[in-house]
Amino acid sequence: MDDLSAAGLAAAASAALIQAMASDVWLNVKVHAARILGRDEAGAATGMDQILEDSRERVLAASPDRRDQASALEAARWEGRLQARLEEDPGFAVAVRDLVTAIRAAGEGVDQSITVQQNVTAGRDSYTAGRDLSVGRPERAP
């Protein structure tokens, strides 16, 4: 596999991994990812499972305003790991493509929306609204 192909595949796989880590599909793909990245060896898969979880924790532990930076850093780490492995073992490309396909398939049909519930307690001279709110004095009729 040439360097550009390995780099492209590593970038796609790392992006898919990080996106899955930060979503509800993670539990569906984590074992599959650990098995593939752990070279299908039982002990290696267990160790890779922990590495993946550590990576996920670094992404999720970042404050909301730094989450994109943390995700980009983790994606770069995984991209480097994957690219090195692809250069060392060109046959690994098939497994990585399967992993990317599995991650994308797991994310199809999953509701990625977020529901926020707010409880508001208002006191005297307070205004609350679910949408637009205009506050002012009404025009007096002549």
Protein backbone atom coordinates (compact mmCIF):
# COMPACT_ATOMS: atom_id res chain seq x y z
CA MET A 1 0.00 0.00 0.00
CA ASP A 2 1.45 3.34 -0.96
CA ASP A 3 1.91 6.15 1.54
CA LEU A 4 -1.01 8.25 0.24
CA SER A 5 -3.45 5.35 0.39
CA ALA A 6 -2.29 4.42 3.88
CA ALA A 7 -2.56 8.03 5.01
CA GLY A 8 -6.07 8.43 3.58
CA LEU A 9 -7.33 5.20 5.09
CA ALA A 10 -5.72 5.99 8.46
CA ALA A 11 -7.33 9.46 8.45
CA ALA A 12 -10.78 8.05 7.63
CA ALA A 13 -10.50 5.32 10.26
CA SER A 14 -9.24 7.64 13.00
CA ALA A 15 -12.01 10.15 12.30
CA ALA A 16 -14.62 7.38 12.41
CA LEU A 17 -13.19 6.05 15.68
CA ILE A 18 -13.24 9.43 17.40
CA GLN A 19 -16.73 10.19 16.15
CA ALA A 20 -17.94 6.83 17.48
CA MET A 21 -16.20 7.39 20.82
CA ALA A 22 -18.15 10.59 21.36
CA SER A 23 -21.52 9.09 20.43
CA ASP A 24 -24.03 6.46 21.48
CA VAL A 25 -22.69 3.90 18.99
CA TRP A 26 -19.44 3.41 20.90
CA LEU A 27 -20.63 0.41 22.89
CA ASN A 28 -21.69 -1.26 19.64
CA VAL A 29 -18.31 -0.89 17.93
CA LYS A 30 -15.76 -0.91 20.78
CA VAL A 31 -15.31 -4.69 20.94
CA HIS A 32 -15.04 -4.92 17.16
CA ALA A 33 -12.47 -2.11 17.08
CA ALA A 34 -10.43 -3.64 19.91
CA ARG A 35 -10.37 -7.01 18.16
CA ILE A 36 -9.24 -5.57 14.83
CA LEU A 37 -6.72 -3.14 16.30
CA GLY A 38 -5.46 -5.83 18.70
CA ARG A 39 -4.59 -8.07 15.74
CA ASP A 40 -7.27 -10.63 16.66
CA GLU A 41 -5.24 -11.82 19.65
CA ALA A 42 -7.16 -12.24 22.93
CA GLY A 43 -4.61 -10.54 25.18
CA ALA A 44 -3.89 -7.82 22.67
CA ALA A 45 -7.61 -7.14 22.19
CA THR A 46 -8.04 -6.69 25.94
CA GLY A 47 -5.12 -4.27 26.06
CA MET A 48 -6.44 -2.41 23.02
CA ASP A 49 -9.86 -2.15 24.68
CA GLN A 50 -8.22 -0.23 27.53
CA ILE A 51 -6.26 1.99 25.13
CA LEU A 52 -9.48 2.81 23.28
CA GLU A 53 -11.29 3.60 26.54
CA ASP A 54 -8.42 5.85 27.68
CA SER A 55 -8.64 7.70 24.38
CA ARG A 56 -12.40 8.07 24.76
CA GLU A 57 -11.98 9.41 28.29
CA ARG A 58 -9.54 12.07 27.07
CA VAL A 59 -12.10 13.23 24.51
CA LEU A 60 -15.07 13.20 26.90
CA ALA A 61 -13.15 14.74 29.80
CA ALA A 62 -12.38 17.88 27.80
CA SER A 63 -14.50 20.89 28.59
CA PRO A 64 -17.15 21.64 25.94
CA ASP A 65 -15.18 24.56 24.54
CA ARG A 66 -12.08 22.35 24.12
CA ARG A 67 -13.82 19.16 22.96
CA ASP A 68 -13.01 19.79 19.28
CA GLN A 69 -9.33 20.23 20.10
CA ALA A 70 -9.26 17.08 22.23
CA SER A 71 -10.99 15.14 19.46
CA ALA A 72 -8.52 16.41 16.86
CA LEU A 73 -5.57 15.45 19.07
CA GLU A 74 -6.91 11.93 19.63
CA ALA A 75 -7.69 11.58 15.92
CA ALA A 76 -4.10 12.54 15.10
CA ARG A 77 -2.79 9.95 17.57
CA TRP A 78 -4.92 7.20 16.06
CA GLU A 79 -4.09 8.29 12.55
CA GLY A 80 -0.36 7.93 13.29
CA ARG A 81 -0.82 4.50 14.88
CA LEU A 82 -2.97 3.25 12.04
CA GLN A 83 -0.71 4.61 9.32
CA ALA A 84 2.37 2.98 10.87
CA ARG A 85 0.54 -0.33 11.12
CA LEU A 86 -0.72 -0.08 7.52
CA GLU A 87 2.80 0.54 6.26
CA GLU A 88 4.12 -2.42 8.22
CA ASP A 89 1.24 -4.76 7.24
CA PRO A 90 -0.53 -3.85 3.96
CA GLY A 91 -3.03 -6.68 4.54
CA PHE A 92 -4.31 -4.79 7.57
CA ALA A 93 -6.06 -2.38 5.17
CA VAL A 94 -8.93 -4.84 4.64
CA ALA A 95 -9.62 -5.01 8.37
CA VAL A 96 -9.44 -1.22 8.72
CA ARG A 97 -11.89 -0.73 5.85
CA ASP A 98 -14.23 -3.24 7.50
CA LEU A 99 -13.94 -1.32 10.77
CA VAL A 100 -14.81 1.98 9.09
CA THR A 101 -17.79 0.34 7.39
CA ALA A 102 -18.95 -1.18 10.69
CA ILE A 103 -18.68 2.16 12.50
CA ARG A 104 -20.64 3.95 9.78
CA ALA A 105 -23.29 1.21 9.73
CA ALA A 106 -23.64 1.36 13.51
CA GLY A 107 -24.28 5.09 13.30
CA GLU A 108 -27.01 4.84 10.67
CA GLY A 109 -30.45 5.34 12.08
CA VAL A 110 -29.15 6.37 15.49
CA ASP A 111 -30.65 9.58 16.73
CA GLN A 112 -27.71 11.91 17.24
CA SER A 113 -29.87 14.71 18.62
CA ILE A 114 -29.61 15.94 22.17
CA THR A 115 -32.58 16.63 24.40
CA VAL A 116 -32.22 19.31 27.04
CA GLN A 117 -34.73 19.60 29.86
CA GLN A 118 -34.78 22.82 31.82
CA ASN A 119 -36.72 23.51 34.98
CA VAL A 120 -37.39 27.15 35.68
CA THR A 121 -38.63 28.74 38.89
CA ALA A 122 -39.75 32.31 38.47
CA GLY A 123 -40.49 34.80 41.18
CA ARG A 124 -42.16 38.17 41.20
CA ASP A 125 -41.69 40.30 38.07
CA SER A 126 -40.12 37.38 36.21
CA TYR A 127 -40.71 36.33 32.65
CA THR A 128 -40.11 32.94 31.10
CA ALA A 129 -40.61 31.81 27.55
CA GLY A 130 -39.97 28.74 25.46
CA ARG A 131 -39.29 30.85 22.39
CA ASP A 132 -39.24 34.56 21.63
CA LEU A 133 -40.09 36.98 24.40
CA SER A 134 -40.86 40.66 24.15
CA VAL A 135 -41.06 42.70 27.31
CA GLY A 136 -42.40 46.22 27.32
CA ARG A 137 -45.32 48.37 28.23
CA PRO A 138 -48.46 47.85 26.22
CA GLU A 139 -49.76 50.78 24.25
CA ARG A 140 -52.60 52.49 26.05
CA ALA A 141 -55.83 52.91 24.22
CA PRO A 142 -56.95 56.58 23.84
